[in-house]
């Protein structure tokens, strides 16, 4: 049976008016977050709501994630925001 997440190629942008972006998105190796200070706290959660990464929004993220859809959570101007990120398989 095929993996549901095999080689997803859909770009996702959900955060409006925050200036925060995850790029590249989808990614195959790592991604970076722009629009947040490097010390900003982020969390990456899987579709079951489990935290798979937490820490600062510094440099490159996602290298240890399996292919799939995740949610990047962060605080922006005292508001909790979320951004969908997709790790695609490496062809």
PDB file of N, CA and C in Angstrom:
ATOM      1  N   UNK A   1       0.836  -1.192   0.000  1.00  0.00           N
ATOM      2  CA  UNK A   1       0.000   0.000   0.000  1.00  0.00           C
ATOM      3  C   UNK A   1       0.872   1.245   0.000  1.00  0.00           C
ATOM      4  N   UNK A   2       0.429   2.262  -0.673  1.00  0.00           N
ATOM      5  CA  UNK A   2       1.194   3.498  -0.786  1.00  0.00           C
ATOM      6  C   UNK A   2       1.035   4.333   0.470  1.00  0.00           C
ATOM      7  N   UNK A   3       2.098   5.026   0.838  1.00  0.00           N
ATOM      8  CA  UNK A   3       2.056   5.940   1.962  1.00  0.00           C
ATOM      9  C   UNK A   3       1.262   7.174   1.546  1.00  0.00           C
ATOM     10  N   UNK A   4       0.330   7.597   2.378  1.00  0.00           N
ATOM     11  CA  UNK A   4      -0.502   8.755   2.071  1.00  0.00           C
ATOM     12  C   UNK A   4       0.341   9.987   1.786  1.00  0.00           C
ATOM     13  N   UNK A   5       1.502  10.088   2.435  1.00  0.00           N
ATOM     14  CA  UNK A   5       2.309  11.281   2.306  1.00  0.00           C
ATOM     15  C   UNK A   5       3.389  11.167   1.238  1.00  0.00           C
ATOM     16  N   UNK A   6       3.374  10.120   0.418  1.00  0.00           N
ATOM     17  CA  UNK A   6       4.403   9.939  -0.594  1.00  0.00           C
ATOM     18  C   UNK A   6       4.498  11.168  -1.488  1.00  0.00           C
ATOM     19  N   UNK A   7       5.613  11.820  -1.404  1.00  0.00           N
ATOM     20  CA  UNK A   7       5.981  12.912  -2.320  1.00  0.00           C
ATOM     21  C   UNK A   7       4.918  13.988  -2.466  1.00  0.00           C
ATOM     22  N   UNK A   8       4.403  14.477  -1.356  1.00  0.00           N
ATOM     23  CA  UNK A   8       3.434  15.567  -1.401  1.00  0.00           C
ATOM     24  C   UNK A   8       4.079  16.782  -2.041  1.00  0.00           C
ATOM     25  N   UNK A   9       3.345  17.486  -2.856  1.00  0.00           N
ATOM     26  CA  UNK A   9       3.889  18.646  -3.534  1.00  0.00           C
ATOM     27  C   UNK A   9       3.009  19.861  -3.405  1.00  0.00           C
ATOM     28  N   UNK A  10       2.253  19.952  -2.346  1.00  0.00           N
ATOM     29  CA  UNK A  10       1.317  21.052  -2.160  1.00  0.00           C
ATOM     30  C   UNK A  10       1.922  22.120  -1.261  1.00  0.00           C
ATOM     31  N   UNK A  11       2.033  23.331  -1.760  1.00  0.00           N
ATOM     32  CA  UNK A  11       2.523  24.429  -0.936  1.00  0.00           C
ATOM     33  C   UNK A  11       1.398  24.896  -0.025  1.00  0.00           C
ATOM     34  N   UNK A  12       1.746  25.256   1.203  1.00  0.00           N
ATOM     35  CA  UNK A  12       0.743  25.656   2.184  1.00  0.00           C
ATOM     36  C   UNK A  12       1.175  26.965   2.813  1.00  0.00           C
ATOM     37  N   UNK A  13       0.282  27.909   2.883  1.00  0.00           N
ATOM     38  CA  UNK A  13       0.532  29.182   3.559  1.00  0.00           C
ATOM     39  C   UNK A  13      -0.722  29.538   4.327  1.00  0.00           C
ATOM     40  N   UNK A  14      -0.650  29.582   5.666  1.00  0.00           N
ATOM     41  CA  UNK A  14      -1.836  29.835   6.466  1.00  0.00           C
ATOM     42  C   UNK A  14      -1.764  31.097   7.317  1.00  0.00           C
ATOM     43  N   UNK A  15      -0.589  31.604   7.558  1.00  0.00           N
ATOM     44  CA  UNK A  15      -0.464  32.713   8.491  1.00  0.00           C
ATOM     45  C   UNK A  15      -0.683  34.024   7.746  1.00  0.00           C
ATOM     46  N   UNK A  16      -1.761  34.706   8.080  1.00  0.00           N
ATOM     47  CA  UNK A  16      -2.089  35.967   7.432  1.00  0.00           C
ATOM     48  C   UNK A  16      -1.602  37.132   8.277  1.00  0.00           C
ATOM     49  N   UNK A  17      -0.960  38.078   7.646  1.00  0.00           N
ATOM     50  CA  UNK A  17      -0.578  39.345   8.264  1.00  0.00           C
ATOM     51  C   UNK A  17       0.430  39.226   9.403  1.00  0.00           C
ATOM     52  N   UNK A  18       1.167  38.120   9.501  1.00  0.00           N
ATOM     53  CA  UNK A  18       2.192  38.047  10.540  1.00  0.00           C
ATOM     54  C   UNK A  18       3.575  38.246   9.955  1.00  0.00           C
ATOM     55  N   UNK A  19       3.729  38.062   8.637  1.00  0.00           N
ATOM     56  CA  UNK A  19       5.046  38.174   8.020  1.00  0.00           C
ATOM     57  C   UNK A  19       5.916  36.969   8.312  1.00  0.00           C
ATOM     58  N   UNK A  20       5.346  35.923   8.851  1.00  0.00           N
ATOM     59  CA  UNK A  20       6.095  34.725   9.193  1.00  0.00           C
ATOM     60  C   UNK A  20       5.889  33.669   8.118  1.00  0.00           C
ATOM     61  N   UNK A  21       6.992  33.083   7.660  1.00  0.00           N
ATOM     62  CA  UNK A  21       6.934  32.079   6.603  1.00  0.00           C
ATOM     63  C   UNK A  21       7.865  30.927   6.940  1.00  0.00           C
ATOM     64  N   UNK A  22       7.494  29.740   6.503  1.00  0.00           N
ATOM     65  CA  UNK A  22       8.377  28.578   6.539  1.00  0.00           C
ATOM     66  C   UNK A  22       8.778  28.314   5.089  1.00  0.00           C
ATOM     67  N   UNK A  23      10.066  28.219   4.840  1.00  0.00           N
ATOM     68  CA  UNK A  23      10.512  27.972   3.468  1.00  0.00           C
ATOM     69  C   UNK A  23      11.705  27.042   3.458  1.00  0.00           C
ATOM     70  N   UNK A  24      11.898  26.211   2.478  1.00  0.00           N
ATOM     71  CA  UNK A  24      10.849  25.933   1.500  1.00  0.00           C
ATOM     72  C   UNK A  24       9.713  25.150   2.142  1.00  0.00           C
ATOM     73  N   UNK A  25       8.560  25.224   1.572  1.00  0.00           N
ATOM     74  CA  UNK A  25       7.398  24.491   2.069  1.00  0.00           C
ATOM     75  C   UNK A  25       6.533  24.105   0.881  1.00  0.00           C
ATOM     76  N   UNK A  26       6.513  22.830   0.511  1.00  0.00           N
ATOM     77  CA  UNK A  26       7.055  21.670   1.199  1.00  0.00           C
ATOM     78  C   UNK A  26       8.581  21.615   1.134  1.00  0.00           C
ATOM     79  N   UNK A  27       9.175  20.839   2.056  1.00  0.00           N
ATOM     80  CA  UNK A  27      10.623  20.672   2.112  1.00  0.00           C
ATOM     81  C   UNK A  27      10.957  19.186   2.107  1.00  0.00           C
ATOM     82  N   UNK A  28      12.180  18.857   1.698  1.00  0.00           N
ATOM     83  CA  UNK A  28      12.593  17.457   1.691  1.00  0.00           C
ATOM     84  C   UNK A  28      13.677  17.176   2.717  1.00  0.00           C
ATOM     85  N   UNK A  29      14.401  18.207   3.143  1.00  0.00           N
ATOM     86  CA  UNK A  29      15.477  18.018   4.114  1.00  0.00           C
ATOM     87  C   UNK A  29      15.223  18.868   5.352  1.00  0.00           C
ATOM     88  N   UNK A  30      15.415  20.164   5.242  1.00  0.00           N
ATOM     89  CA  UNK A  30      15.175  21.082   6.356  1.00  0.00           C
ATOM     90  C   UNK A  30      14.437  22.314   5.835  1.00  0.00           C
ATOM     91  N   UNK A  31      13.892  23.102   6.767  1.00  0.00           N
ATOM     92  CA  UNK A  31      13.261  24.369   6.423  1.00  0.00           C
ATOM     93  C   UNK A  31      13.700  25.417   7.425  1.00  0.00           C
ATOM     94  N   UNK A  32      13.488  26.675   7.063  1.00  0.00           N
ATOM     95  CA  UNK A  32      13.793  27.805   7.943  1.00  0.00           C
ATOM     96  C   UNK A  32      12.528  28.612   8.158  1.00  0.00           C
ATOM     97  N   UNK A  33      12.503  29.322   9.273  1.00  0.00           N
ATOM     98  CA  UNK A  33      11.376  30.196   9.589  1.00  0.00           C
ATOM     99  C   UNK A  33      11.872  31.625   9.485  1.00  0.00           C
ATOM    100  N   UNK A  34      11.175  32.446   8.703  1.00  0.00           N
ATOM    101  CA  UNK A  34      11.500  33.858   8.603  1.00  0.00           C
ATOM    102  C   UNK A  34      10.375  34.660   9.234  1.00  0.00           C
ATOM    103  N   UNK A  35      10.718  35.830   9.738  1.00  0.00           N
ATOM    104  CA  UNK A  35       9.721  36.711  10.331  1.00  0.00           C
ATOM    105  C   UNK A  35       9.591  36.578  11.834  1.00  0.00           C
ATOM    106  N   UNK A  36      10.413  35.724  12.439  1.00  0.00           N
ATOM    107  CA  UNK A  36      10.453  35.588  13.892  1.00  0.00           C
ATOM    108  C   UNK A  36      11.879  35.797  14.356  1.00  0.00           C
ATOM    109  N   UNK A  37      12.070  36.343  15.553  1.00  0.00           N
ATOM    110  CA  UNK A  37      13.428  36.424  16.072  1.00  0.00           C
ATOM    111  C   UNK A  37      13.980  35.007  16.278  1.00  0.00           C
ATOM    112  N   UNK A  38      15.284  34.789  16.086  1.00  0.00           N
ATOM    113  CA  UNK A  38      15.861  33.450  16.245  1.00  0.00           C
ATOM    114  C   UNK A  38      15.603  32.820  17.609  1.00  0.00           C
ATOM    115  N   UNK A  39      15.387  33.644  18.611  1.00  0.00           N
ATOM    116  CA  UNK A  39      15.151  33.118  19.962  1.00  0.00           C
ATOM    117  C   UNK A  39      13.676  32.806  20.224  1.00  0.00           C
ATOM    118  N   UNK A  40      12.795  33.108  19.271  1.00  0.00           N
ATOM    119  CA  UNK A  40      11.368  32.863  19.461  1.00  0.00           C
ATOM    120  C   UNK A  40      11.120  31.365  19.656  1.00  0.00           C
ATOM    121  N   UNK A  41      10.252  31.036  20.591  1.00  0.00           N
ATOM    122  CA  UNK A  41       9.935  29.632  20.872  1.00  0.00           C
ATOM    123  C   UNK A  41       8.936  29.112  19.843  1.00  0.00           C
ATOM    124  N   UNK A  42       9.239  27.950  19.294  1.00  0.00           N
ATOM    125  CA  UNK A  42       8.337  27.295  18.363  1.00  0.00           C
ATOM    126  C   UNK A  42       8.103  25.858  18.820  1.00  0.00           C
ATOM    127  N   UNK A  43       7.003  25.287  18.336  1.00  0.00           N
ATOM    128  CA  UNK A  43       6.737  23.858  18.521  1.00  0.00           C
ATOM    129  C   UNK A  43       6.281  23.302  17.190  1.00  0.00           C
ATOM    130  N   UNK A  44       6.697  22.084  16.894  1.00  0.00           N
ATOM    131  CA  UNK A  44       6.203  21.371  15.722  1.00  0.00           C
ATOM    132  C   UNK A  44       5.409  20.185  16.245  1.00  0.00           C
ATOM    133  N   UNK A  45       4.151  20.073  15.788  1.00  0.00           N
ATOM    134  CA  UNK A  45       3.300  18.976  16.237  1.00  0.00           C
ATOM    135  C   UNK A  45       2.862  18.145  15.043  1.00  0.00           C
ATOM    136  N   UNK A  46       2.701  16.840  15.291  1.00  0.00           N
ATOM    137  CA  UNK A  46       2.269  15.934  14.232  1.00  0.00           C
ATOM    138  C   UNK A  46       0.740  15.920  14.174  1.00  0.00           C
ATOM    139  N   UNK A  47       0.148  15.193  13.207  1.00  0.00           N
ATOM    140  CA  UNK A  47      -1.320  15.202  13.082  1.00  0.00           C
ATOM    141  C   UNK A  47      -2.061  14.674  14.312  1.00  0.00           C
ATOM    142  N   UNK A  48      -1.385  13.904  15.161  1.00  0.00           N
ATOM    143  CA  UNK A  48      -2.018  13.413  16.380  1.00  0.00           C
ATOM    144  C   UNK A  48      -1.878  14.393  17.547  1.00  0.00           C
ATOM    145  N   UNK A  49      -1.261  15.550  17.308  1.00  0.00           N
ATOM    146  CA  UNK A  49      -1.100  16.556  18.342  1.00  0.00           C
ATOM    147  C   UNK A  49       0.114  16.358  19.228  1.00  0.00           C
ATOM    148  N   UNK A  50       0.968  15.395  18.892  1.00  0.00           N
ATOM    149  CA  UNK A  50       2.185  15.159  19.677  1.00  0.00           C
ATOM    150  C   UNK A  50       3.270  16.153  19.281  1.00  0.00           C
ATOM    151  N   UNK A  51       3.932  16.723  20.268  1.00  0.00           N
ATOM    152  CA  UNK A  51       5.051  17.617  19.992  1.00  0.00           C
ATOM    153  C   UNK A  51       6.235  16.773  19.536  1.00  0.00           C
ATOM    154  N   UNK A  52       6.734  17.056  18.320  1.00  0.00           N
ATOM    155  CA  UNK A  52       7.880  16.323  17.785  1.00  0.00           C
ATOM    156  C   UNK A  52       9.143  17.170  17.808  1.00  0.00           C
ATOM    157  N   UNK A  53       8.993  18.477  18.065  1.00  0.00           N
ATOM    158  CA  UNK A  53      10.139  19.375  18.209  1.00  0.00           C
ATOM    159  C   UNK A  53       9.684  20.607  18.976  1.00  0.00           C
ATOM    160  N   UNK A  54      10.534  21.086  19.865  1.00  0.00           N
ATOM    161  CA  UNK A  54      10.290  22.376  20.504  1.00  0.00           C
ATOM    162  C   UNK A  54      11.630  23.032  20.746  1.00  0.00           C
ATOM    163  N   UNK A  55      11.650  24.343  20.667  1.00  0.00           N
ATOM    164  CA  UNK A  55      12.885  25.086  20.867  1.00  0.00           C
ATOM    165  C   UNK A  55      12.842  26.409  20.142  1.00  0.00           C
ATOM    166  N   UNK A  56      14.004  27.039  19.979  1.00  0.00           N
ATOM    167  CA  UNK A  56      14.051  28.334  19.299  1.00  0.00           C
ATOM    168  C   UNK A  56      13.861  28.176  17.791  1.00  0.00           C
ATOM    169  N   UNK A  57      13.445  29.247  17.151  1.00  0.00           N
ATOM    170  CA  UNK A  57      13.195  29.259  15.704  1.00  0.00           C
ATOM    171  C   UNK A  57      14.484  29.487  14.934  1.00  0.00           C
ATOM    172  N   UNK A  58      15.575  28.983  15.446  1.00  0.00           N
ATOM    173  CA  UNK A  58      16.873  29.247  14.839  1.00  0.00           C
ATOM    174  C   UNK A  58      17.155  28.342  13.654  1.00  0.00           C
ATOM    175  N   UNK A  59      17.904  28.832  12.738  1.00  0.00           N
ATOM    176  CA  UNK A  59      18.439  28.164  11.548  1.00  0.00           C
ATOM    177  C   UNK A  59      17.517  27.119  10.944  1.00  0.00           C
ATOM    178  N   UNK A  60      18.057  25.952  10.665  1.00  0.00           N
ATOM    179  CA  UNK A  60      17.317  24.962   9.904  1.00  0.00           C
ATOM    180  C   UNK A  60      16.627  23.952  10.810  1.00  0.00           C
ATOM    181  N   UNK A  61      15.386  23.642  10.477  1.00  0.00           N
ATOM    182  CA  UNK A  61      14.550  22.759  11.280  1.00  0.00           C
ATOM    183  C   UNK A  61      14.035  21.616  10.411  1.00  0.00           C
ATOM    184  N   UNK A  62      13.550  20.579  11.033  1.00  0.00           N
ATOM    185  CA  UNK A  62      12.842  19.522  10.333  1.00  0.00           C
ATOM    186  C   UNK A  62      13.672  18.374   9.818  1.00  0.00           C
ATOM    187  N   UNK A  63      14.988  18.415  10.010  1.00  0.00           N
ATOM    188  CA  UNK A  63      15.838  17.353   9.495  1.00  0.00           C
ATOM    189  C   UNK A  63      15.533  15.993  10.076  1.00  0.00           C
ATOM    190  N   UNK A  64      14.994  15.962  11.286  1.00  0.00           N
ATOM    191  CA  UNK A  64      14.710  14.688  11.950  1.00  0.00           C
ATOM    192  C   UNK A  64      13.262  14.231  11.785  1.00  0.00           C
ATOM    193  N   UNK A  65      12.470  14.946  10.984  1.00  0.00           N
ATOM    194  CA  UNK A  65      11.065  14.583  10.784  1.00  0.00           C
ATOM    195  C   UNK A  65      10.910  13.575   9.654  1.00  0.00           C
ATOM    196  N   UNK A  66       9.911  12.717   9.776  1.00  0.00           N
ATOM    197  CA  UNK A  66       9.536  11.802   8.695  1.00  0.00           C
ATOM    198  C   UNK A  66       8.631  12.554   7.723  1.00  0.00           C
ATOM    199  N   UNK A  67       8.528  12.106   6.466  1.00  0.00           N
ATOM    200  CA  UNK A  67       7.614  12.770   5.538  1.00  0.00           C
ATOM    201  C   UNK A  67       6.196  12.803   6.101  1.00  0.00           C
ATOM    202  N   UNK A  68       5.529  13.932   5.932  1.00  0.00           N
ATOM    203  CA  UNK A  68       4.169  14.095   6.419  1.00  0.00           C
ATOM    204  C   UNK A  68       3.792  15.549   6.589  1.00  0.00           C
ATOM    205  N   UNK A  69       2.621  15.775   7.146  1.00  0.00           N
ATOM    206  CA  UNK A  69       2.091  17.115   7.385  1.00  0.00           C
ATOM    207  C   UNK A  69       2.213  17.419   8.867  1.00  0.00           C
ATOM    208  N   UNK A  70       2.722  18.596   9.187  1.00  0.00           N
ATOM    209  CA  UNK A  70       2.930  19.021  10.570  1.00  0.00           C
ATOM    210  C   UNK A  70       2.379  20.423  10.750  1.00  0.00           C
ATOM    211  N   UNK A  71       2.239  20.835  11.999  1.00  0.00           N
ATOM    212  CA  UNK A  71       1.833  22.199  12.323  1.00  0.00           C
ATOM    213  C   UNK A  71       2.940  22.851  13.123  1.00  0.00           C
ATOM    214  N   UNK A  72       3.363  24.014  12.662  1.00  0.00           N
ATOM    215  CA  UNK A  72       4.363  24.825  13.350  1.00  0.00           C
ATOM    216  C   UNK A  72       3.600  25.845  14.191  1.00  0.00           C
ATOM    217  N   UNK A  73       3.765  25.799  15.504  1.00  0.00           N
ATOM    218  CA  UNK A  73       3.086  26.720  16.421  1.00  0.00           C
ATOM    219  C   UNK A  73       4.087  27.739  16.945  1.00  0.00           C
ATOM    220  N   UNK A  74       3.665  28.999  17.019  1.00  0.00           N
ATOM    221  CA  UNK A  74       4.535  30.057  17.529  1.00  0.00           C
ATOM    222  C   UNK A  74       3.681  31.213  18.029  1.00  0.00           C
ATOM    223  N   UNK A  75       4.261  32.036  18.866  1.00  0.00           N
ATOM    224  CA  UNK A  75       3.586  33.234  19.357  1.00  0.00           C
ATOM    225  C   UNK A  75       4.039  34.419  18.522  1.00  0.00           C
ATOM    226  N   UNK A  76       3.081  35.230  18.107  1.00  0.00           N
ATOM    227  CA  UNK A  76       3.376  36.434  17.330  1.00  0.00           C
ATOM    228  C   UNK A  76       2.544  37.570  17.907  1.00  0.00           C
ATOM    229  N   UNK A  77       3.231  38.569  18.431  1.00  0.00           N
ATOM    230  CA  UNK A  77       2.539  39.721  19.038  1.00  0.00           C
ATOM    231  C   UNK A  77       1.494  39.277  20.058  1.00  0.00           C
ATOM    232  N   UNK A  78       1.899  38.380  20.941  1.00  0.00           N
ATOM    233  CA  UNK A  78       1.060  37.879  22.033  1.00  0.00           C
ATOM    234  C   UNK A  78      -0.109  37.014  21.558  1.00  0.00           C
ATOM    235  N   UNK A  79      -0.126  36.631  20.296  1.00  0.00           N
ATOM    236  CA  UNK A  79      -1.163  35.742  19.778  1.00  0.00           C
ATOM    237  C   UNK A  79      -0.527  34.441  19.320  1.00  0.00           C
ATOM    238  N   UNK A  80      -1.168  33.328  19.604  1.00  0.00           N
ATOM    239  CA  UNK A  80      -0.698  32.025  19.135  1.00  0.00           C
ATOM    240  C   UNK A  80      -1.054  31.892  17.653  1.00  0.00           C
ATOM    241  N   UNK A  81      -0.084  31.529  16.838  1.00  0.00           N
ATOM    242  CA  UNK A  81      -0.313  31.350  15.414  1.00  0.00           C
ATOM    243  C   UNK A  81       0.146  29.963  14.994  1.00  0.00           C
ATOM    244  N   UNK A  82      -0.378  29.487  13.873  1.00  0.00           N
ATOM    245  CA  UNK A  82      -0.030  28.167  13.374  1.00  0.00           C
ATOM    246  C   UNK A  82       0.233  28.237  11.881  1.00  0.00           C
ATOM    247  N   UNK A  83       1.149  27.407  11.440  1.00  0.00           N
ATOM    248  CA  UNK A  83       1.503  27.331  10.032  1.00  0.00           C
ATOM    249  C   UNK A  83       1.660  25.863   9.675  1.00  0.00           C
ATOM    250  N   UNK A  84       0.966  25.412   8.636  1.00  0.00           N
ATOM    251  CA  UNK A  84       1.119  24.029   8.179  1.00  0.00           C
ATOM    252  C   UNK A  84       2.442  23.912   7.424  1.00  0.00           C
ATOM    253  N   UNK A  85       3.185  22.849   7.725  1.00  0.00           N
ATOM    254  CA  UNK A  85       4.409  22.560   6.997  1.00  0.00           C
ATOM    255  C   UNK A  85       4.334  21.125   6.505  1.00  0.00           C
ATOM    256  N   UNK A  86       4.947  20.884   5.363  1.00  0.00           N
ATOM    257  CA  UNK A  86       4.906  19.555   4.756  1.00  0.00           C
ATOM    258  C   UNK A  86       6.319  19.099   4.464  1.00  0.00           C
ATOM    259  N   UNK A  87       6.659  17.917   5.005  1.00  0.00           N
ATOM    260  CA  UNK A  87       7.923  17.293   4.637  1.00  0.00           C
ATOM    261  C   UNK A  87       7.603  16.252   3.577  1.00  0.00           C
ATOM    262  N   UNK A  88       8.098  16.495   2.368  1.00  0.00           N
ATOM    263  CA  UNK A  88       7.880  15.585   1.245  1.00  0.00           C
ATOM    264  C   UNK A  88       8.990  14.555   1.221  1.00  0.00           C
ATOM    265  N   UNK A  89       8.736  13.435   0.569  1.00  0.00           N
ATOM    266  CA  UNK A  89       9.792  12.437   0.453  1.00  0.00           C
ATOM    267  C   UNK A  89      10.837  12.927  -0.541  1.00  0.00           C
ATOM    268  N   UNK A  90      12.049  12.507  -0.331  1.00  0.00           N
ATOM    269  CA  UNK A  90      13.161  12.875  -1.208  1.00  0.00           C
ATOM    270  C   UNK A  90      13.171  11.914  -2.376  1.00  0.00           C
ATOM    271  N   UNK A  91      12.915  12.428  -3.549  1.00  0.00           N
ATOM    272  CA  UNK A  91      12.823  11.534  -4.716  1.00  0.00           C
ATOM    273  C   UNK A  91      14.178  11.086  -5.089  1.00  0.00           C
TER     274      UNK A  91
END
